[in-house]
Protein backbone atom coordinates (compact mmCIF):
# COMPACT_ATOMS: atom_id res chain seq x y z
CA MET A 1 33.66 31.85 -3.01
CA LYS A 2 33.27 28.14 -3.71
CA LEU A 3 31.98 25.79 -1.05
CA ASP A 4 34.29 22.95 -0.05
CA LYS A 5 33.37 19.25 -0.17
CA ASN A 6 32.46 19.13 3.51
CA GLN A 7 30.03 22.04 3.15
CA ILE A 8 28.44 20.44 0.08
CA HIS A 9 28.11 17.21 2.05
CA ILE A 10 26.31 19.10 4.86
CA ILE A 11 23.76 20.47 2.36
CA GLU A 12 23.28 17.01 0.84
CA THR A 13 22.73 15.44 4.26
CA VAL A 14 20.08 18.03 5.12
CA LEU A 15 18.31 17.39 1.80
CA ASP A 16 18.29 13.65 2.56
CA LYS A 17 16.66 14.31 5.94
CA LEU A 18 14.06 16.51 4.26
CA GLY A 19 13.13 13.67 1.88
CA VAL A 20 14.87 14.97 -1.24
CA VAL A 21 16.17 11.54 -2.23
CA TYR A 22 15.52 11.35 -5.97
CA VAL A 23 18.98 11.88 -7.42
CA ASP A 24 17.78 13.29 -10.75
CA TYR A 25 16.43 16.34 -8.89
CA LYS A 26 18.44 16.21 -5.68
CA TYR A 27 21.70 17.46 -7.19
CA GLU A 28 19.91 20.09 -9.24
CA ILE A 29 18.36 21.45 -6.03
CA LEU A 30 21.67 21.10 -4.19
CA ASP A 31 23.40 23.15 -6.89
CA HIS A 32 20.82 25.94 -6.61
CA ILE A 33 21.10 26.06 -2.82
CA ALA A 34 24.92 25.97 -2.90
CA THR A 35 24.98 28.85 -5.38
CA GLU A 36 22.68 30.95 -3.19
CA VAL A 37 24.80 30.19 -0.12
CA GLU A 38 27.97 31.21 -1.97
CA GLU A 39 26.39 34.47 -3.11
CA LYS A 40 25.13 35.29 0.39
CA MET A 41 28.56 34.58 1.90
CA ILE A 42 30.21 36.98 -0.57
CA ILE A 43 27.62 39.77 -0.46
CA HIS A 44 27.22 39.83 3.32
CA THR A 45 30.72 38.64 4.21
CA ILE A 46 29.45 35.86 6.46
CA THR A 47 30.40 32.25 7.09
CA PHE A 48 28.79 29.13 5.67
CA GLU A 49 27.31 28.36 9.10
CA GLU A 50 25.50 31.71 9.00
CA ALA A 51 24.49 31.72 5.32
CA PHE A 52 23.17 28.18 4.94
CA PRO A 53 20.36 28.39 7.56
CA GLU A 54 19.12 31.62 5.95
CA VAL A 55 19.00 30.07 2.49
CA LEU A 56 17.44 26.89 3.83
CA LYS A 57 14.70 28.93 5.51
CA LYS A 58 13.88 30.47 2.12
CA TRP A 59 13.52 26.99 0.60
CA GLN A 60 11.69 25.46 3.56
CA SER A 61 8.16 25.81 2.10
CA LYS A 62 9.19 23.81 -1.00
CA PHE A 63 10.19 20.87 1.18
CA LYS A 64 6.79 20.62 2.89
CA LYS A 65 5.43 17.06 2.62
CA SER A 66 2.54 16.84 0.14
CA SER A 67 0.49 14.18 -1.65
CA SER A 68 -1.61 13.95 -4.79
CA VAL A 69 -4.65 12.00 -5.97
CA LEU A 70 -2.58 10.90 -8.99
CA PHE A 71 -0.29 8.80 -6.80
CA GLY A 72 -2.51 8.23 -3.76
CA TYR A 73 -2.78 10.29 -0.62
CA PHE A 74 -0.79 7.73 1.38
CA TRP A 75 2.36 8.66 -0.55
CA GLU A 76 3.98 11.87 0.63
CA MET A 77 7.10 13.64 -0.60
CA PRO A 78 8.54 17.17 -0.61
CA GLU A 79 6.29 19.47 -2.62
CA ILE A 80 9.07 20.45 -5.01
CA LEU A 81 9.54 16.78 -6.02
CA LEU A 82 5.81 16.08 -6.14
CA ASN A 83 5.20 18.96 -8.55
CA LYS A 84 7.94 17.72 -10.89
CA CYS A 85 6.56 14.16 -10.85
CA ILE A 86 3.01 15.43 -11.49
CA LYS A 87 4.24 17.46 -14.45
CA ILE A 88 5.82 14.38 -16.03
CA TYR A 89 2.86 12.11 -15.25
CA ARG A 90 0.12 14.46 -16.47
CA LYS A 91 1.82 14.81 -19.85
CA LYS A 92 2.11 11.05 -20.07
CA LEU A 93 -1.54 10.46 -19.14
CA LEU A 94 -2.75 12.90 -21.79
CA LEU A 95 -0.78 11.09 -24.49
CA VAL A 96 -1.82 7.65 -23.24
CA PHE A 97 -5.56 8.41 -23.06
CA THR A 98 -5.49 10.07 -26.48
CA GLY A 99 -3.65 7.10 -27.98
CA ALA A 100 -6.07 4.60 -26.36
CA MET A 101 -9.05 6.48 -27.79
CA VAL A 102 -7.49 6.41 -31.27
CA LEU A 103 -6.83 2.66 -31.05
CA THR A 104 -10.34 1.97 -29.76
CA SER A 105 -11.83 4.09 -32.56
CA GLY A 106 -9.92 1.93 -35.03
CA PHE A 107 -11.66 -1.15 -33.65
CA LEU A 108 -15.01 0.58 -33.99
CA LEU A 109 -14.43 0.75 -37.74
CA PHE A 110 -14.26 -3.05 -37.78
CA SER A 111 -17.12 -3.74 -35.39
CA SER A 112 -18.49 -6.68 -37.40
CA PHE A 113 -15.08 -8.35 -37.42
CA LEU A 114 -14.74 -7.66 -33.72
CA ARG A 115 -18.10 -9.27 -32.96
CA ASN A 116 -17.22 -12.48 -34.80
CA HIS A 117 -13.69 -12.85 -33.48
CA LEU A 118 -13.91 -11.34 -30.01
CA ALA A 119 -13.20 -14.62 -28.20
CA ASN A 120 -10.01 -15.20 -30.22
CA PHE A 121 -9.00 -11.58 -29.71
CA PHE A 122 -9.36 -11.88 -25.94
CA SER A 123 -7.40 -15.17 -25.92
CA ILE A 124 -4.46 -13.54 -27.68
CA ALA A 125 -4.79 -10.44 -25.51
CA THR A 126 -4.67 -12.64 -22.37
CA ILE A 127 -1.30 -14.05 -23.43
CA LEU A 128 0.14 -10.63 -24.29
CA TYR A 129 -1.31 -9.17 -21.10
CA SER A 130 0.30 -11.88 -18.98
CA VAL A 131 3.70 -11.47 -20.66
CA ALA A 132 3.57 -7.68 -20.24
CA PHE A 133 2.66 -8.08 -16.57
CA LEU A 134 5.52 -10.54 -16.01
CA LEU A 135 8.03 -8.15 -17.60
CA SER A 136 6.61 -5.26 -15.55
CA THR A 137 7.02 -7.33 -12.38
CA LEU A 138 10.66 -8.07 -13.17
CA GLY A 139 11.25 -4.37 -13.84
CA TYR A 140 9.58 -3.48 -10.54
CA VAL A 141 11.82 -5.90 -8.62
CA LYS A 142 14.96 -4.57 -10.30
CA ILE A 143 14.05 -0.94 -9.53
CA ARG A 144 13.22 -1.85 -5.92
CA LEU A 145 16.69 -3.37 -5.60
CA SER A 146 18.34 -0.16 -6.84
CA LYS A 147 20.49 1.45 -4.16
CA ARG A 148 19.52 4.97 -5.23
CA LYS A 149 16.14 6.45 -6.04
CA THR A 150 14.94 8.56 -8.97
CA SER A 151 11.64 10.23 -9.83
CA TYR A 152 11.36 7.85 -12.81
CA GLY A 153 11.69 4.86 -10.50
CA PHE A 154 8.93 6.30 -8.29
CA LEU A 155 6.63 6.80 -11.30
CA TYR A 156 7.33 3.26 -12.52
CA LYS A 157 6.49 1.77 -9.12
CA GLN A 158 3.30 3.82 -8.75
CA GLN A 159 2.14 2.78 -12.20
CA PHE A 160 2.98 -0.85 -11.50
CA MET A 161 0.90 -0.92 -8.31
CA ALA A 162 -2.10 0.47 -10.20
CA SER A 163 -1.61 -2.01 -13.05
CA VAL A 164 -1.80 -4.98 -10.63
CA LEU A 165 -5.48 -4.29 -9.96
CA VAL A 166 -6.25 -3.62 -13.61
CA THR A 167 -4.45 -6.78 -14.73
CA PHE A 168 -6.46 -9.18 -12.59
CA GLN A 169 -9.70 -7.40 -13.46
CA GLN A 170 -8.99 -7.64 -17.19
CA LEU A 171 -7.88 -11.26 -17.06
CA TYR A 172 -11.09 -12.15 -15.22
CA PHE A 173 -13.39 -10.46 -17.73
CA MET A 174 -11.49 -11.68 -20.77
CA ASN A 175 -11.84 -15.28 -19.59
CA SER A 176 -15.29 -15.12 -17.97
CA GLY A 177 -17.11 -16.12 -21.16
CA PHE A 178 -18.95 -12.82 -21.22
CA GLU A 179 -18.36 -12.28 -24.94
CA ARG A 180 -19.86 -15.74 -25.70
CA ASN A 181 -22.86 -15.58 -23.40
CA ASN A 182 -24.00 -12.01 -23.66
CA PHE A 183 -22.23 -9.93 -26.30
CA SER A 184 -22.39 -6.25 -25.43
CA PRO A 185 -20.66 -3.89 -27.88
CA LEU A 186 -20.35 -1.15 -25.28
CA PHE A 187 -18.75 -3.47 -22.75
CA SER A 188 -16.44 -4.96 -25.38
CA TYR A 189 -15.29 -1.56 -26.60
CA PHE A 190 -14.65 -0.55 -23.00
CA MET A 191 -12.52 -3.67 -22.55
CA ILE A 192 -10.57 -2.84 -25.71
CA PHE A 193 -10.06 0.72 -24.49
CA ILE A 194 -8.60 -0.60 -21.23
CA LEU A 195 -6.39 -3.03 -23.17
CA SER A 196 -5.14 -0.18 -25.37
CA LEU A 197 -4.57 1.90 -22.25
CA TYR A 198 -2.56 -0.86 -20.61
CA PHE A 199 -0.48 -1.37 -23.75
CA LEU A 200 0.45 2.30 -23.95
CA LEU A 201 1.11 2.46 -20.21
CA SER A 202 3.46 -0.51 -20.64
CA VAL A 203 5.35 1.46 -23.29
CA TYR A 204 5.68 4.38 -20.88
CA SER A 205 6.73 1.99 -18.11
CA PHE A 206 9.64 0.92 -20.28
CA ILE A 207 10.55 4.59 -20.81
CA PHE A 208 10.47 5.21 -17.04
CA TYR A 209 12.50 2.04 -16.43
CA LYS A 210 15.14 3.05 -18.95
CA ALA A 211 15.27 6.66 -17.66
CA HIS A 212 15.72 5.44 -14.07
CA PHE A 213 18.86 3.45 -14.87
CA GLN A 214 20.18 6.12 -17.22
CA GLU A 215 19.99 8.63 -14.36
CA LEU A 216 21.79 6.24 -12.02
CA LYS A 217 24.50 5.71 -14.61
CA ARG A 218 24.82 9.44 -15.21
CA MET A 219 25.19 10.11 -11.49
CA GLN A 220 27.78 7.37 -11.22
CA TYR A 221 30.07 9.06 -13.74
CA SER A 222 29.28 12.70 -12.90
């Protein structure tokens, strides 16, 4: 027994009220719930109005609002969406931190070169950092203006907000004259690690940005 468009719309409206607004997961969840409702209607010979509340009650715990230290405790969303976002983000962080350590280790092999050219390196890095931040800001604005939300858009925005603080901190240190007045290898390598981290995070930001609009396009034609 297939549900009609009105019944599907009722399920979708309830999901919206419960905070399931990311379209890349919303319709996957909707499909699962609709299938369970259809099966319950057939097996127990009951109406949609009787079957849907029973299925929804089964799913209720997954829609409980939750937060995570990864995104900040002020941001809450249904647990089922949070777990999916955490899964994506943890995998990304592991790759990013590993990549940043590899890049930083490469600089360690050229420590003498780094010591003699650190000021020039930071000058070039400042320009690249500023350009990357400008592009990230434009991407943030465009995603904010999107009429529909995706988990990738959420991850992009969360990462952007964190990068704002890191950007101003890095620009300050890179232009504070620290490397000229009091060269500290440990501090310099830490700065390079953060720069490598930001570079790789920028790459992932582009991936999130692209995935966000791909999902919106897919939903438009589905």
